[in-house]
Amino acid sequence: MPSLLEQIKARRLALGLRQSDMQERTAMLRQQYQRLESQGNPRLSSLEQVATGLNADLMLIPREKKYAVLALLQDDGSPEKQPYEDIWQGILGDLDDDD
């Protein structure tokens, strides 16, 4: 699995953003962002700023759930690959949609 900094860079590139674009999106100086991406060891508050600028969220994932989360993130969106799609079906009993 790529490091957090590699994931940050990959997300930025996937959004078509340059490092210089991140100044406006994160309220960080361009040099500060470049240093974060190249040298690492950012503070949590900096990571939160970057996540916000990349339309993402930071979260802790329990190790025992890691592979389930990765599988969801790699899902191509086809219905047969979405086991979570009907997770709430029947949770309230046999209610009709019209109720």
C-alpha atoms as a PDB file:
ATOM      1  CA  MET A   1       0.000   0.000   0.000  1.00  0.00           C
ATOM      2  CA  PRO A   2       1.370   3.442  -0.870  1.00  0.00           C
ATOM      3  CA  SER A   3       2.450   5.749   1.929  1.00  0.00           C
ATOM      4  CA  LEU A   4       0.124   8.527   3.036  1.00  0.00           C
ATOM      5  CA  LEU A   5       2.260  11.110   1.228  1.00  0.00           C
ATOM      6  CA  GLU A   6       2.161   9.041  -1.970  1.00  0.00           C
ATOM      7  CA  GLN A   7      -1.617   8.851  -1.624  1.00  0.00           C
ATOM      8  CA  ILE A   8      -1.852  12.617  -1.155  1.00  0.00           C
ATOM      9  CA  LYS A   9       0.205  13.237  -4.285  1.00  0.00           C
ATOM     10  CA  ALA A  10      -1.769  10.655  -6.275  1.00  0.00           C
ATOM     11  CA  ARG A  11      -5.062  12.267  -5.202  1.00  0.00           C
ATOM     12  CA  ARG A  12      -3.800  15.724  -6.179  1.00  0.00           C
ATOM     13  CA  LEU A  13      -2.723  14.454  -9.585  1.00  0.00           C
ATOM     14  CA  ALA A  14      -6.006  12.575 -10.068  1.00  0.00           C
ATOM     15  CA  LEU A  15      -7.825  15.868  -9.507  1.00  0.00           C
ATOM     16  CA  GLY A  16      -5.588  17.507 -12.102  1.00  0.00           C
ATOM     17  CA  LEU A  17      -4.065  19.884  -9.571  1.00  0.00           C
ATOM     18  CA  ARG A  18      -0.541  21.285  -9.395  1.00  0.00           C
ATOM     19  CA  GLN A  19       1.259  21.891  -6.131  1.00  0.00           C
ATOM     20  CA  SER A  20       0.750  25.601  -6.681  1.00  0.00           C
ATOM     21  CA  ASP A  21      -3.036  25.030  -6.861  1.00  0.00           C
ATOM     22  CA  MET A  22      -2.992  23.715  -3.320  1.00  0.00           C
ATOM     23  CA  GLN A  23      -2.255  27.111  -1.763  1.00  0.00           C
ATOM     24  CA  GLU A  24      -5.765  28.351  -2.438  1.00  0.00           C
ATOM     25  CA  ARG A  25      -7.398  25.014  -1.629  1.00  0.00           C
ATOM     26  CA  THR A  26      -5.599  24.453   1.689  1.00  0.00           C
ATOM     27  CA  ALA A  27      -4.702  27.955   2.916  1.00  0.00           C
ATOM     28  CA  MET A  28      -1.104  26.736   3.169  1.00  0.00           C
ATOM     29  CA  LEU A  29       1.823  28.527   1.609  1.00  0.00           C
ATOM     30  CA  ARG A  30       2.958  26.887  -1.629  1.00  0.00           C
ATOM     31  CA  GLN A  31       6.372  26.147  -0.128  1.00  0.00           C
ATOM     32  CA  GLN A  32       4.760  24.610   2.950  1.00  0.00           C
ATOM     33  CA  TYR A  33       2.675  22.284   0.786  1.00  0.00           C
ATOM     34  CA  GLN A  34       5.662  21.345  -1.394  1.00  0.00           C
ATOM     35  CA  ARG A  35       7.677  20.526   1.725  1.00  0.00           C
ATOM     36  CA  LEU A  36       4.846  18.403   3.100  1.00  0.00           C
ATOM     37  CA  GLU A  37       4.584  16.401  -0.097  1.00  0.00           C
ATOM     38  CA  SER A  38       8.337  15.940  -0.549  1.00  0.00           C
ATOM     39  CA  GLN A  39       9.684  15.620   2.993  1.00  0.00           C
ATOM     40  CA  GLY A  40       6.710  14.366   4.931  1.00  0.00           C
ATOM     41  CA  ASN A  41       6.231  14.357   8.687  1.00  0.00           C
ATOM     42  CA  PRO A  42       3.301  16.802   8.608  1.00  0.00           C
ATOM     43  CA  ARG A  43       1.316  17.852  11.640  1.00  0.00           C
ATOM     44  CA  LEU A  44      -2.205  16.504  11.981  1.00  0.00           C
ATOM     45  CA  SER A  45      -3.651  19.964  11.405  1.00  0.00           C
ATOM     46  CA  SER A  46      -1.706  20.190   8.123  1.00  0.00           C
ATOM     47  CA  LEU A  47      -3.005  16.785   7.029  1.00  0.00           C
ATOM     48  CA  GLU A  48      -6.547  17.915   7.783  1.00  0.00           C
ATOM     49  CA  GLN A  49      -6.031  21.050   5.662  1.00  0.00           C
ATOM     50  CA  VAL A  50      -4.660  18.984   2.786  1.00  0.00           C
ATOM     51  CA  ALA A  51      -7.506  16.464   3.008  1.00  0.00           C
ATOM     52  CA  THR A  52     -10.037  19.285   2.848  1.00  0.00           C
ATOM     53  CA  GLY A  53      -8.246  20.778  -0.154  1.00  0.00           C
ATOM     54  CA  LEU A  54      -8.357  17.403  -1.909  1.00  0.00           C
ATOM     55  CA  ASN A  55     -12.062  16.842  -1.179  1.00  0.00           C
ATOM     56  CA  ALA A  56     -11.129  13.963   1.106  1.00  0.00           C
ATOM     57  CA  ASP A  57     -11.379  12.972   4.753  1.00  0.00           C
ATOM     58  CA  LEU A  58      -8.849  11.569   7.190  1.00  0.00           C
ATOM     59  CA  MET A  59      -9.931   8.590   9.226  1.00  0.00           C
ATOM     60  CA  LEU A  60      -8.524   5.785  11.299  1.00  0.00           C
ATOM     61  CA  ILE A  61      -9.396   2.385   9.925  1.00  0.00           C
ATOM     62  CA  PRO A  62      -9.119  -0.591  12.255  1.00  0.00           C
ATOM     63  CA  ARG A  63      -6.600  -3.058  10.858  1.00  0.00           C
ATOM     64  CA  GLU A  64      -9.172  -5.814  10.800  1.00  0.00           C
ATOM     65  CA  LYS A  65     -11.331  -3.669   8.462  1.00  0.00           C
ATOM     66  CA  LYS A  66      -8.488  -2.440   6.226  1.00  0.00           C
ATOM     67  CA  TYR A  67      -8.986  -4.948   3.408  1.00  0.00           C
ATOM     68  CA  ALA A  68     -12.760  -4.470   3.383  1.00  0.00           C
ATOM     69  CA  VAL A  69     -12.276  -0.707   3.043  1.00  0.00           C
ATOM     70  CA  LEU A  70      -9.663  -1.151   0.304  1.00  0.00           C
ATOM     71  CA  ALA A  71     -12.035  -3.458  -1.580  1.00  0.00           C
ATOM     72  CA  LEU A  72     -14.773  -0.817  -1.423  1.00  0.00           C
ATOM     73  CA  LEU A  73     -12.402   1.877  -2.637  1.00  0.00           C
ATOM     74  CA  GLN A  74     -11.313  -0.286  -5.580  1.00  0.00           C
ATOM     75  CA  ASP A  75     -14.896  -1.171  -6.525  1.00  0.00           C
ATOM     76  CA  ASP A  76     -15.728  -0.266 -10.113  1.00  0.00           C
ATOM     77  CA  GLY A  77     -19.346   0.556  -9.269  1.00  0.00           C
ATOM     78  CA  SER A  78     -21.012  -2.455 -10.868  1.00  0.00           C
ATOM     79  CA  PRO A  79     -24.002  -3.676  -8.822  1.00  0.00           C
ATOM     80  CA  GLU A  80     -22.788  -7.267  -8.549  1.00  0.00           C
ATOM     81  CA  LYS A  81     -19.656  -6.022  -6.768  1.00  0.00           C
ATOM     82  CA  GLN A  82     -21.497  -3.967  -4.146  1.00  0.00           C
ATOM     83  CA  PRO A  83     -22.310  -6.300  -1.240  1.00  0.00           C
ATOM     84  CA  TYR A  84     -23.122  -3.277   0.903  1.00  0.00           C
ATOM     85  CA  GLU A  85     -25.837  -2.024  -1.442  1.00  0.00           C
ATOM     86  CA  ASP A  86     -28.820  -3.599   0.387  1.00  0.00           C
ATOM     87  CA  ILE A  87     -27.368  -3.597   3.873  1.00  0.00           C
ATOM     88  CA  TRP A  88     -30.407  -1.815   5.389  1.00  0.00           C
ATOM     89  CA  GLN A  89     -33.043  -3.805   3.491  1.00  0.00           C
ATOM     90  CA  GLY A  90     -35.593  -5.200   5.923  1.00  0.00           C
ATOM     91  CA  ILE A  91     -34.084  -3.443   8.934  1.00  0.00           C
ATOM     92  CA  LEU A  92     -37.464  -1.961   9.903  1.00  0.00           C
ATOM     93  CA  GLY A  93     -39.495  -5.049   9.075  1.00  0.00           C
ATOM     94  CA  ASP A  94     -41.803  -5.415   6.112  1.00  0.00           C
ATOM     95  CA  LEU A  95     -42.604  -1.763   5.410  1.00  0.00           C
ATOM     96  CA  ASP A  96     -43.822  -0.844   1.934  1.00  0.00           C
ATOM     97  CA  ASP A  97     -42.182   2.035   0.089  1.00  0.00           C
ATOM     98  CA  ASP A  98     -45.522   3.889   0.251  1.00  0.00           C
ATOM     99  CA  ASP A  99     -45.618   3.912   4.083  1.00  0.00           C
END
